[in-house]
Each structure stands twice: as structure tokens, then as C-alpha cells.
Amino acid sequence: MHSLERLLDTLGGLVWGPPMLVLLFGVGLYLTVGLRFLTWRRIPAAFALLWRGRHPAAGERGDITPFQALMTALSATVGTGNIAGVGTAIALGGPGAVFWMWLTALFGMATKYAEAVLAVRFRETDARGMQVGGPMYYIRNGLGRRWAWLGVLFALFGMVAGFGIGNTVQSNSVADALHTHFAVPHWVTGALLTVLAGAVVLGGIHRIAQTAERLVPVMSIAYVAGALAVIGRHLPQVPAALATIVHDAFTGTAATGGFTGAAVWAAIRFGVARGVFSNEAGLGSAPIAHAAARTDDPVRQGTIAMLGTFIDTLLICTMTALVIVLTGAWTQLDAGGHQGLTGAALSTTAFDSGLPGLGRYVVTFGLVVFAFSTILGWSYYSERCAEFLFGVGVIRPFRVLWIGAVFLGAVAKLSFVWTLADVLNGLMAVPNLIALALLSPLVFRLSRQRREVA
């Protein structure tokens, strides 16, 4: 087992190493330029479309509203990366890592846009009469049957990775948080999560989407409100904090307090890696949800989809980052007097410093609800991957298996599962990025033909 874990650690370092980060960033940059910065120019129009997307026109194909599709995608995306991921990026790369997270998101918006455009353009109607799509479908239907094997690889990686990054790892994070702060036994948390997840997941995409459209806005607004309360108490220092983030992105961060210093490369590496981990742009998961949207216009859904990256990283992750930088928590030593805090512990310390007695509960609430929503969103992603591989007959047993894994994750030790899921999650990006690059001329052409998306 130890040999296998070492092998996975090595493989994970390769999968998430510089070549992958350059590929993810490079494809986003290429698509942004190829779209003539449409994704930046159309942000206001995208929010207008999102609002109207709550009530789509009658007669358009699809199973859920465009608004529900984005909320479902966000339910899977907004998660531990927004809390623990930001803390890790700053702890290892300094405040400058936040700038590279922003840049990754700005170019990642084009990646999300292209993914959703292709997902709607090449989706299919399955044996149940439901709309299904995503990278495995636009690889097979867009690139041709000779590329179908690449779609199979994506579906295989996505199906298996979901049980780790989108299921057991999430329930384990919730169980740990509740045990640490409220002494709730792991099995109690596991049982409760299993019941709640079962009530939603067994209802399929309609119930998942209905839950997401209520849960995601509430949890996001509550978390951002908590962050704004901390930021408000340090309002005069905000310009200096933003200046530090931009300055350190290009100069590195000197050692100070419990922080040992970081070079520019560390800021770039951990900023890009944690940014991608948070918003999942390029991994190919979100277009699976957008393929179910009730719309006949791929460009319109792509315009809505790009908001997922904007909301996730440029809004929620930025709130976490500002709290950490403003409170100075990133320079503190840990409880043992060693090098500074990292991950969720850093975010918790920062919020608790900014809102004494209340901040830790803001983070705990955020972790619990974000992780639960991720379980719901990823259940749909992995189910669609399983359906692509085995047909509609696998759906019911897959849902039962998914629900059972929630409880196991809450009570088990998951170091091996986490590493395996991390590797498979990264491998999902490879087939997807190849397809995005090869099908980019179609995305550009569809976008030019549909200049007025509002």
C-alpha cells in the first residue's frame, strides 16, 4: 500500500505539474484571444441572461432551466477549494498567488464558455428522453468516431474520480469539521449526510437542480456576507492589501512572521493550481450540467456558464483571500510554533481573528454546506459518465452506490482515496483540453454568427 501511495504521489506531481498548468492556462488564453475577449466584454450581458434564464422560452429542448444548470455547476464547483484551496495557495505562494488565481479565472472564463457551447451543440437524447452531454459527447460527436476512445477515457476518469473528489473526500471534510468544532461523532455526520444526499440524489437531475437553485445562492451570499463583515472592519487597509497581492505576484514574498518567503514561481504555481482546483475550468465537469439546460442556443448557455468561474474565483475566492491578507493570519505560526498555518486552518484563523467568536463558525458552516452541495453536483457528473460507458441501466444502482459511499467517506481514513482522486481529476482535463483545442474553430464560428446573445 505504501508503495502504491508513493507511486500515486509521484503521478500526481506529474499530472498537476508545470506542463498541465501551462496547458490549462494556455488553452484559456488561446480561447480568450480567439473569442476576441468576448467573455470579458459580455459579463454584464451574462448576468442579464442568467436572470432571464430562470424562465426559459417554451418549446426549447432540455431538462432544467439555464439558471438551474449554472447553480448545479456551481454546487459542484464552490467547495473546499474556496476555503482550504485559497489558504493553501497563500500559505505556499504568498499573497501574490491570489493575483495568479485571478488571471487563471479571467482566462478560464473562456474555457468554461467553450465547454458549455460544445456541450449544448453536441448533446444527445438518451433512452429515457433526457438531454445528456459533456466532453465525452462532444469528443465523440464533434471529433468523430475515431476519437471515441478519448471520450471513453474522460468518462472513466470522471466516473471514478467523482467517488473521491466529489463524494468521500467531501463527506470526510464535513465529518472532520463538525467533530473538531462541535464534537459530533463521525458516524452521526455520515448517517445524516447519507440521508440528506439520498433524498436529493435519488430524484435525479430535476431534484438536484431544484435544490441547487435554492442552496447555492443562500450559501454563497451567507459566506460572502461573513467575509465582507471582516473586510469592513479593515476597510482602510484594503488598498494596501490589494497592492501587496499585485506586487508580490511579480516580486515574490519576503519572509515575515511565520511565513518563510516564496519566490515568484511559487506564487504562479500555487495560484494557478489552486485557481483551477477551485473553478474547475478545463477539467470538463461543468459542461455536463450545462448540457441539460433548456435552450436551443449553445452560445447563450456558454455565456451563462462562464459566470461560474467569475462567481467562484473572482468573487468567493477573493473574499477568502482578502480576509486572510487583511488579518495577517498568513504570517502567524501554528499552535506548535512552527511555520505558518495552511489550508482550512489558515482560513478559519483569519475569519476568527476578524470576527472573534463568530468567524470560525462562518468557515465551518461554509465548509459543511459547500461540501454537501459538491456531493450533489458531482453525483450528476459521475452518473452521466457512467451512463456514457454502460447505458441507462446503470443509473439506479449507481445512485445507490453513490449514496453508500457518502457514509463510508465520513468514517474512513482517506489519504489514499484523496491522492487517487486528485490524479484522476487531473487526467480528466487531458481529453477535454484536446477536444477544446481541436473544436475551437467551431466555437469561434458559432460565436461570430451569434453576436447578439442578449
Protein backbone atom coordinates (compact mmCIF):
# COMPACT_ATOMS: atom_id res chain seq x y z
CA MET A 1 0.00 0.00 0.00
CA HIS A 2 2.81 2.41 0.86
CA SER A 3 4.49 1.71 -2.48
CA LEU A 4 1.21 2.40 -4.29
CA GLU A 5 0.70 5.63 -2.37
CA ARG A 6 4.22 6.78 -3.27
CA LEU A 7 3.54 5.92 -6.90
CA LEU A 8 0.32 7.94 -6.85
CA ASP A 9 2.09 10.86 -5.18
CA THR A 10 4.68 10.81 -7.96
CA LEU A 11 2.00 10.52 -10.64
CA GLY A 12 0.05 13.35 -9.02
CA GLY A 13 3.12 15.56 -9.16
CA LEU A 14 3.41 14.84 -12.88
CA VAL A 15 -0.29 15.26 -13.66
CA TRP A 16 -0.53 18.59 -11.79
CA GLY A 17 2.98 19.70 -12.69
CA PRO A 18 4.05 22.67 -14.84
CA PRO A 19 3.06 21.07 -18.20
CA MET A 20 -0.56 20.64 -17.09
CA LEU A 21 -0.76 24.11 -15.59
CA VAL A 22 0.72 25.63 -18.75
CA LEU A 23 -1.74 23.63 -20.86
CA LEU A 24 -4.75 24.74 -18.81
CA PHE A 25 -3.64 28.34 -18.75
CA GLY A 26 -2.58 28.25 -22.40
CA VAL A 27 -5.87 26.89 -23.72
CA GLY A 28 -7.76 29.54 -21.75
CA LEU A 29 -5.53 32.27 -23.15
CA TYR A 30 -5.89 30.94 -26.71
CA LEU A 31 -9.69 30.77 -26.44
CA THR A 32 -9.90 34.24 -24.88
CA VAL A 33 -7.94 35.80 -27.73
CA GLY A 34 -9.74 33.70 -30.35
CA LEU A 35 -13.08 34.90 -29.00
CA ARG A 36 -11.77 38.49 -29.14
CA PHE A 37 -12.20 38.85 -25.37
CA LEU A 38 -15.95 38.22 -25.68
CA THR A 39 -16.00 36.60 -22.23
CA TRP A 40 -14.74 39.81 -20.61
CA ARG A 41 -16.91 42.14 -22.65
CA ARG A 42 -20.12 40.20 -22.11
CA ILE A 43 -20.09 39.89 -18.30
CA PRO A 44 -22.98 42.36 -17.78
CA ALA A 45 -24.98 40.69 -20.56
CA ALA A 46 -24.26 37.30 -19.00
CA PHE A 47 -25.86 38.33 -15.70
CA ALA A 48 -28.89 39.63 -17.60
CA LEU A 49 -29.17 36.30 -19.43
CA LEU A 50 -28.82 34.43 -16.15
CA TRP A 51 -31.71 36.36 -14.64
CA ARG A 52 -33.89 35.68 -17.66
CA GLY A 53 -32.72 32.07 -17.62
CA ARG A 54 -34.93 31.35 -14.65
CA HIS A 55 -37.88 31.25 -17.07
CA PRO A 56 -36.76 29.98 -20.49
CA ALA A 57 -38.98 30.14 -23.56
CA ALA A 58 -41.42 27.29 -24.08
CA GLY A 59 -40.55 24.65 -26.64
CA GLU A 60 -36.77 24.62 -26.16
CA ARG A 61 -35.14 21.26 -25.50
CA GLY A 62 -33.68 20.47 -22.12
CA ASP A 63 -34.49 19.18 -18.63
CA ILE A 64 -33.67 22.12 -16.34
CA THR A 65 -33.63 25.91 -16.70
CA PRO A 66 -30.40 27.69 -17.72
CA PHE A 67 -30.33 29.24 -14.23
CA GLN A 68 -30.61 25.80 -12.62
CA ALA A 69 -27.83 24.49 -14.88
CA LEU A 70 -25.44 27.16 -13.62
CA MET A 71 -26.46 26.62 -10.00
CA THR A 72 -25.92 22.86 -10.42
CA ALA A 73 -22.47 23.51 -11.88
CA LEU A 74 -21.68 25.93 -9.06
CA SER A 75 -22.92 23.43 -6.46
CA ALA A 76 -20.14 21.10 -7.57
CA THR A 77 -17.54 23.84 -8.05
CA VAL A 78 -17.98 26.06 -4.99
CA GLY A 79 -16.47 23.90 -2.27
CA THR A 80 -13.40 23.29 -0.16
CA GLY A 81 -11.23 24.94 -2.83
CA ASN A 82 -12.78 28.30 -1.97
CA ILE A 83 -11.76 27.94 1.68
CA ALA A 84 -8.93 25.43 2.03
CA GLY A 85 -7.58 25.95 -1.50
CA VAL A 86 -7.15 29.70 -1.10
CA GLY A 87 -5.48 29.17 2.28
CA THR A 88 -3.05 26.68 0.75
CA ALA A 89 -2.22 28.98 -2.17
CA ILE A 90 -1.36 31.90 0.12
CA ALA A 91 0.50 29.71 2.63
CA LEU A 92 2.77 28.27 -0.07
CA GLY A 93 2.93 31.07 -2.63
CA GLY A 94 2.32 34.19 -0.57
CA PRO A 95 -0.33 36.85 -1.28
CA GLY A 96 0.94 37.08 -4.87
CA ALA A 97 -0.65 33.68 -5.57
CA VAL A 98 -4.05 35.38 -5.42
CA PHE A 99 -3.19 37.51 -8.47
CA TRP A 100 -2.43 34.36 -10.48
CA MET A 101 -5.70 32.84 -9.29
CA TRP A 102 -7.46 35.91 -10.71
CA LEU A 103 -5.62 35.62 -14.01
CA THR A 104 -6.42 31.92 -14.24
CA ALA A 105 -10.09 32.73 -13.70
CA LEU A 106 -10.14 35.53 -16.28
CA PHE A 107 -8.84 33.17 -18.96
CA GLY A 108 -10.73 30.21 -17.51
CA MET A 109 -13.99 32.01 -18.29
CA ALA A 110 -13.31 31.40 -21.99
CA THR A 111 -12.66 27.73 -21.29
CA LYS A 112 -15.97 27.37 -19.43
CA TYR A 113 -17.73 29.27 -22.22
CA ALA A 114 -16.34 26.95 -24.91
CA GLU A 115 -17.14 23.83 -22.87
CA ALA A 116 -20.79 24.80 -22.49
CA VAL A 117 -21.15 25.86 -26.14
CA LEU A 118 -19.89 22.46 -27.27
CA ALA A 119 -21.91 20.60 -24.62
CA VAL A 120 -25.21 22.03 -25.91
CA ARG A 121 -24.15 21.80 -29.57
CA PHE A 122 -23.30 18.08 -29.42
CA ARG A 123 -25.62 16.76 -26.69
CA GLU A 124 -27.86 13.74 -27.24
CA THR A 125 -31.25 12.47 -26.10
CA ASP A 126 -30.83 9.24 -24.14
CA ALA A 127 -33.17 6.25 -23.89
CA ARG A 128 -35.15 7.98 -21.13
CA GLY A 129 -35.73 11.08 -23.27
CA MET A 130 -33.27 13.17 -21.18
CA GLN A 131 -30.65 15.53 -22.61
CA VAL A 132 -27.11 14.31 -21.91
CA GLY A 133 -23.81 15.87 -22.89
CA GLY A 134 -20.35 16.88 -21.84
CA PRO A 135 -16.79 16.26 -23.06
CA MET A 136 -17.37 12.57 -23.80
CA TYR A 137 -20.20 13.52 -26.16
CA TYR A 138 -18.57 16.46 -27.90
CA ILE A 139 -15.44 14.36 -28.35
CA ARG A 140 -17.40 11.54 -30.00
CA ASN A 141 -19.91 13.65 -31.92
CA GLY A 142 -17.69 16.61 -32.66
CA LEU A 143 -14.37 14.96 -33.47
CA GLY A 144 -15.81 11.77 -34.97
CA ARG A 145 -15.97 8.11 -34.02
CA ARG A 146 -12.25 7.60 -34.38
CA TRP A 147 -11.83 9.85 -31.33
CA ALA A 148 -14.46 8.00 -29.30
CA TRP A 149 -11.77 6.26 -27.22
CA LEU A 150 -10.75 9.66 -25.88
CA GLY A 151 -14.32 10.25 -24.73
CA VAL A 152 -14.31 6.84 -23.04
CA LEU A 153 -11.16 7.80 -21.13
CA PHE A 154 -12.75 11.03 -19.95
CA ALA A 155 -15.89 9.20 -18.81
CA LEU A 156 -13.85 6.57 -16.98
CA PHE A 157 -11.72 9.18 -15.20
CA GLY A 158 -14.78 11.27 -14.34
CA MET A 159 -16.82 8.36 -13.01
CA VAL A 160 -14.09 7.07 -10.69
CA ALA A 161 -12.72 10.48 -9.66
CA GLY A 162 -16.20 11.54 -8.57
CA PHE A 163 -16.25 8.99 -5.77
CA GLY A 164 -13.15 10.66 -4.36
CA ILE A 165 -13.07 14.38 -5.00
CA GLY A 166 -16.86 14.72 -5.28
CA ASN A 167 -18.05 12.30 -2.63
CA THR A 168 -15.95 10.60 0.06
CA VAL A 169 -13.42 13.43 0.41
CA GLN A 170 -16.28 15.91 0.84
CA SER A 171 -18.18 13.89 3.47
CA ASN A 172 -14.90 13.30 5.29
CA SER A 173 -14.21 17.05 5.36
CA VAL A 174 -17.67 17.71 6.82
CA ALA A 175 -17.26 14.99 9.46
CA ASP A 176 -13.85 16.33 10.48
CA ALA A 177 -15.11 19.92 10.72
CA LEU A 178 -18.15 19.02 12.83
CA HIS A 179 -16.10 16.73 15.07
CA THR A 180 -13.44 19.41 15.63
CA HIS A 181 -15.80 22.29 16.42
CA PHE A 182 -18.87 20.54 17.87
CA ALA A 183 -17.60 17.07 18.93
CA VAL A 184 -20.13 15.38 16.62
CA PRO A 185 -19.13 11.72 16.07
CA HIS A 186 -18.08 10.92 12.51
CA TRP A 187 -20.72 8.22 12.12
CA VAL A 188 -23.51 10.63 13.09
CA THR A 189 -22.40 13.10 10.44
CA GLY A 190 -22.08 10.26 7.95
CA ALA A 191 -25.58 8.99 8.64
CA LEU A 192 -27.13 12.46 8.37
CA LEU A 193 -25.29 13.26 5.13
CA THR A 194 -26.31 9.91 3.67
CA VAL A 195 -29.99 10.55 4.36
CA LEU A 196 -29.88 14.10 3.01
CA ALA A 197 -27.89 13.16 -0.07
CA GLY A 198 -30.16 10.20 -0.75
CA ALA A 199 -33.27 12.37 -0.59
CA VAL A 200 -31.84 14.57 -3.35
CA VAL A 201 -29.73 12.23 -5.50
CA LEU A 202 -32.44 9.59 -5.93
CA GLY A 203 -34.64 12.27 -7.51
CA GLY A 204 -32.19 12.76 -10.38
CA ILE A 205 -31.26 15.99 -12.13
CA HIS A 206 -34.61 17.71 -11.51
CA ARG A 207 -34.32 17.41 -7.73
CA ILE A 208 -30.60 18.19 -7.77
CA ALA A 209 -31.24 21.33 -9.82
CA GLN A 210 -34.15 22.43 -7.63
CA THR A 211 -32.01 22.01 -4.53
CA ALA A 212 -29.04 23.77 -6.12
CA GLU A 213 -31.03 26.82 -7.23
CA ARG A 214 -32.07 27.39 -3.61
CA LEU A 215 -28.96 26.26 -1.75
CA VAL A 216 -26.17 27.79 -3.85
CA PRO A 217 -27.32 31.44 -3.72
CA VAL A 218 -28.04 31.22 0.03
CA MET A 219 -24.73 29.60 0.94
CA SER A 220 -22.72 31.93 -1.30
CA ILE A 221 -24.39 35.10 -0.02
CA ALA A 222 -24.01 33.98 3.61
CA TYR A 223 -20.30 33.25 3.19
CA VAL A 224 -19.60 36.46 1.27
CA ALA A 225 -21.52 38.43 3.91
CA GLY A 226 -19.29 36.98 6.63
CA ALA A 227 -16.20 37.89 4.62
CA LEU A 228 -17.48 41.40 3.96
CA ALA A 229 -18.02 41.88 7.70
CA VAL A 230 -14.32 41.17 8.28
CA ILE A 231 -13.25 43.30 5.31
CA GLY A 232 -15.44 46.15 6.57
CA ARG A 233 -13.55 46.18 9.86
CA HIS A 234 -10.28 46.57 7.94
CA LEU A 235 -11.60 48.82 5.16
CA PRO A 236 -8.75 51.38 5.29
CA GLN A 237 -6.22 48.57 4.75
CA VAL A 238 -7.93 47.13 1.64
CA PRO A 239 -5.98 49.23 -0.92
CA ALA A 240 -2.70 48.19 0.72
CA ALA A 241 -3.76 44.51 0.72
CA LEU A 242 -4.62 44.65 -2.99
CA ALA A 243 -1.30 46.37 -3.69
CA THR A 244 0.52 43.62 -1.79
CA ILE A 245 -1.22 40.94 -3.85
CA VAL A 246 -0.24 42.58 -7.16
CA HIS A 247 3.29 43.49 -6.04
CA ASP A 248 4.12 40.03 -4.67
CA ALA A 249 2.82 38.35 -7.83
CA PHE A 250 5.86 39.70 -9.70
CA THR A 251 8.48 40.05 -6.97
CA GLY A 252 7.82 37.13 -4.64
CA THR A 253 7.09 37.46 -0.92
CA ALA A 254 9.79 38.08 1.67
CA ALA A 255 9.88 36.06 4.87
CA THR A 256 7.84 37.65 7.64
CA GLY A 257 6.40 36.34 10.91
CA GLY A 258 5.63 32.65 10.46
CA PHE A 259 5.86 32.87 6.66
CA THR A 260 9.18 31.65 5.27
CA GLY A 261 9.02 33.53 1.99
CA ALA A 262 8.11 32.49 -1.55
CA ALA A 263 9.57 33.11 -4.99
CA VAL A 264 7.59 34.38 -7.96
CA TRP A 265 7.44 30.85 -9.39
CA ALA A 266 5.77 29.60 -6.18
CA ALA A 267 3.14 32.33 -6.46
CA ILE A 268 2.45 31.38 -10.09
CA ARG A 269 2.46 27.63 -9.47
CA PHE A 270 0.18 27.57 -6.45
CA GLY A 271 -2.02 30.40 -7.67
CA VAL A 272 -2.75 28.69 -10.99
CA ALA A 273 -3.08 25.22 -9.44
CA ARG A 274 -5.47 26.30 -6.68
CA GLY A 275 -7.40 28.53 -9.06
CA VAL A 276 -8.04 25.61 -11.41
CA PHE A 277 -8.84 23.32 -8.46
CA SER A 278 -11.44 25.82 -7.29
CA ASN A 279 -13.22 26.74 -10.53
CA GLU A 280 -12.52 23.52 -12.50
CA ALA A 281 -12.20 25.43 -15.77
CA GLY A 282 -10.76 22.98 -18.29
CA LEU A 283 -11.46 19.83 -16.32
CA GLY A 284 -14.69 19.21 -18.25
CA SER A 285 -17.10 18.69 -15.36
CA ALA A 286 -19.34 21.79 -15.60
CA PRO A 287 -20.46 21.26 -19.24
CA ILE A 288 -22.15 18.03 -18.15
CA ALA A 289 -24.62 20.14 -16.17
CA HIS A 290 -24.99 22.81 -18.85
CA ALA A 291 -25.85 20.17 -21.44
CA ALA A 292 -29.14 19.58 -19.57
CA ALA A 293 -30.21 23.24 -19.85
CA ARG A 294 -33.48 24.06 -21.56
CA THR A 295 -32.12 26.01 -24.51
CA ASP A 296 -31.53 25.66 -28.23
CA ASP A 297 -28.80 28.30 -28.28
CA PRO A 298 -25.30 26.99 -27.42
CA VAL A 299 -23.79 30.50 -27.32
CA ARG A 300 -26.41 31.75 -24.89
CA GLN A 301 -25.74 28.88 -22.49
CA GLY A 302 -21.98 29.33 -22.87
CA THR A 303 -22.36 32.98 -21.91
CA ILE A 304 -24.22 31.96 -18.75
CA ALA A 305 -21.75 29.16 -18.00
CA MET A 306 -18.72 31.46 -17.93
CA LEU A 307 -20.21 33.17 -14.87
CA GLY A 308 -19.42 30.04 -12.88
CA THR A 309 -15.71 30.87 -12.98
CA PHE A 310 -16.38 34.54 -12.30
CA ILE A 311 -18.50 33.84 -9.23
CA ASP A 312 -16.35 31.03 -7.88
CA THR A 313 -12.89 32.57 -8.13
CA LEU A 314 -13.19 36.30 -8.77
CA LEU A 315 -15.88 36.70 -6.11
CA ILE A 316 -15.87 33.97 -3.44
CA CYS A 317 -12.15 33.07 -3.51
CA THR A 318 -11.27 36.77 -3.47
CA MET A 319 -13.35 37.24 -0.31
CA THR A 320 -11.41 34.45 1.42
CA ALA A 321 -8.08 35.83 0.21
CA LEU A 322 -8.77 39.37 1.41
CA VAL A 323 -9.77 38.12 4.87
CA ILE A 324 -6.51 36.14 5.12
CA VAL A 325 -4.32 39.01 3.94
CA LEU A 326 -6.09 41.78 5.89
CA THR A 327 -5.99 39.92 9.21
CA GLY A 328 -2.34 38.94 8.77
CA ALA A 329 -3.18 35.32 9.61
CA TRP A 330 -0.87 34.07 6.85
CA THR A 331 2.19 35.34 8.80
CA GLN A 332 1.28 33.62 12.09
CA LEU A 333 2.94 30.50 13.45
CA ASP A 334 0.83 27.41 14.05
CA ALA A 335 -0.10 26.12 17.51
CA GLY A 336 3.21 24.27 17.79
CA GLY A 337 5.27 27.34 16.98
CA HIS A 338 6.21 26.02 13.55
CA GLN A 339 5.92 27.53 10.08
CA GLY A 340 2.58 29.23 9.45
CA LEU A 341 -0.87 27.75 9.06
CA THR A 342 -2.21 26.42 5.78
CA GLY A 343 -5.44 25.24 4.17
CA ALA A 344 -8.73 25.41 6.05
CA ALA A 345 -6.89 26.06 9.32
CA LEU A 346 -5.48 29.31 7.90
CA SER A 347 -8.88 30.46 6.65
CA THR A 348 -10.51 29.58 9.98
CA THR A 349 -7.87 31.51 11.94
CA ALA A 350 -8.27 34.52 9.66
CA PHE A 351 -12.06 34.64 9.98
CA ASP A 352 -11.90 34.08 13.73
CA SER A 353 -9.39 36.90 14.06
CA GLY A 354 -11.62 39.21 12.04
CA LEU A 355 -14.85 38.15 13.76
CA PRO A 356 -13.85 36.88 17.21
CA GLY A 357 -16.11 34.12 18.48
CA LEU A 358 -18.09 34.01 15.22
CA GLY A 359 -15.59 33.72 12.37
CA ARG A 360 -14.79 30.04 12.88
CA TYR A 361 -18.46 29.20 12.58
CA VAL A 362 -18.70 31.11 9.30
CA VAL A 363 -15.93 28.91 7.90
CA THR A 364 -17.37 25.72 9.41
CA PHE A 365 -20.82 26.50 8.01
CA GLY A 366 -19.23 27.27 4.65
CA LEU A 367 -17.25 24.03 4.60
CA VAL A 368 -20.27 21.91 5.56
CA VAL A 369 -22.71 23.40 3.07
CA PHE A 370 -20.18 23.78 0.25
CA ALA A 371 -19.06 20.17 0.66
CA PHE A 372 -22.64 18.87 0.74
CA SER A 373 -23.50 20.77 -2.43
CA THR A 374 -20.41 19.32 -4.10
CA ILE A 375 -21.67 15.81 -3.30
CA LEU A 376 -24.93 16.63 -5.08
CA GLY A 377 -23.38 18.24 -8.15
CA TRP A 378 -20.74 15.58 -8.65
CA SER A 379 -23.31 12.81 -8.30
CA TYR A 380 -24.81 14.04 -11.58
CA TYR A 381 -21.42 14.39 -13.27
CA SER A 382 -20.29 10.89 -12.37
CA GLU A 383 -23.69 9.39 -13.18
CA ARG A 384 -23.58 10.84 -16.69
CA CYS A 385 -20.08 9.42 -17.15
CA ALA A 386 -21.33 6.01 -16.01
CA GLU A 387 -24.31 6.23 -18.38
CA PHE A 388 -21.99 7.03 -21.29
CA LEU A 389 -19.97 3.90 -20.52
CA PHE A 390 -22.72 1.43 -19.57
CA GLY A 391 -26.07 2.82 -20.69
CA VAL A 392 -29.16 3.97 -18.78
CA GLY A 393 -29.48 0.66 -16.92
CA VAL A 394 -26.61 1.64 -14.64
CA ILE A 395 -28.32 4.76 -13.29
CA ARG A 396 -30.32 3.32 -10.38
CA PRO A 397 -27.56 1.07 -8.96
CA PHE A 398 -25.07 3.90 -9.45
CA ARG A 399 -27.16 6.26 -7.32
CA VAL A 400 -27.41 3.67 -4.54
CA LEU A 401 -23.64 3.12 -4.66
CA TRP A 402 -23.03 6.86 -4.59
CA ILE A 403 -25.20 7.34 -1.51
CA GLY A 404 -23.48 4.48 0.31
CA ALA A 405 -20.06 5.98 -0.42
CA VAL A 406 -21.08 9.18 1.38
CA PHE A 407 -21.26 7.32 4.71
CA LEU A 408 -18.01 5.43 4.10
CA GLY A 409 -16.21 8.68 3.38
CA ALA A 410 -17.34 10.22 6.65
CA VAL A 411 -15.95 7.40 8.81
CA ALA A 412 -12.87 6.26 6.83
CA LYS A 413 -9.26 7.40 6.51
CA LEU A 414 -8.89 8.80 3.01
CA SER A 415 -5.27 9.67 2.28
CA PHE A 416 -5.10 7.05 -0.50
CA VAL A 417 -8.52 7.95 -1.93
CA TRP A 418 -7.69 11.67 -1.92
CA THR A 419 -4.45 11.09 -3.85
CA LEU A 420 -6.10 8.77 -6.38
CA ALA A 421 -8.98 11.18 -6.94
CA ASP A 422 -6.57 14.08 -7.37
CA VAL A 423 -4.71 12.18 -10.09
CA LEU A 424 -7.87 11.12 -11.92
CA ASN A 425 -9.34 14.61 -11.61
CA GLY A 426 -6.28 16.00 -13.37
CA LEU A 427 -6.37 13.29 -16.04
CA MET A 428 -9.95 14.37 -16.91
CA ALA A 429 -8.51 17.60 -18.24
CA VAL A 430 -6.32 15.98 -20.89
CA PRO A 431 -9.06 14.62 -23.23
CA ASN A 432 -11.15 17.73 -22.61
CA LEU A 433 -8.39 20.21 -23.47
CA ILE A 434 -7.52 18.26 -26.63
CA ALA A 435 -11.16 18.46 -27.72
CA LEU A 436 -11.43 22.17 -26.89
CA ALA A 437 -8.34 22.95 -28.95
CA LEU A 438 -9.47 20.89 -31.95
CA LEU A 439 -13.06 22.18 -31.86
CA SER A 440 -12.14 25.80 -31.14
CA PRO A 441 -12.75 26.91 -34.78
CA LEU A 442 -16.37 25.78 -34.39
CA VAL A 443 -16.71 27.72 -31.11
CA PHE A 444 -15.31 30.84 -32.77
CA ARG A 445 -17.64 30.45 -35.77
CA LEU A 446 -20.76 29.92 -33.65
CA SER A 447 -19.85 32.95 -31.54
CA ARG A 448 -19.39 35.16 -34.60
CA GLN A 449 -22.73 34.01 -36.04
CA ARG A 450 -24.49 34.82 -32.78
CA ARG A 451 -23.08 38.26 -31.96
CA GLU A 452 -26.20 39.38 -30.10
CA VAL A 453 -26.52 36.96 -27.19
CA ALA A 454 -28.73 39.11 -25.04
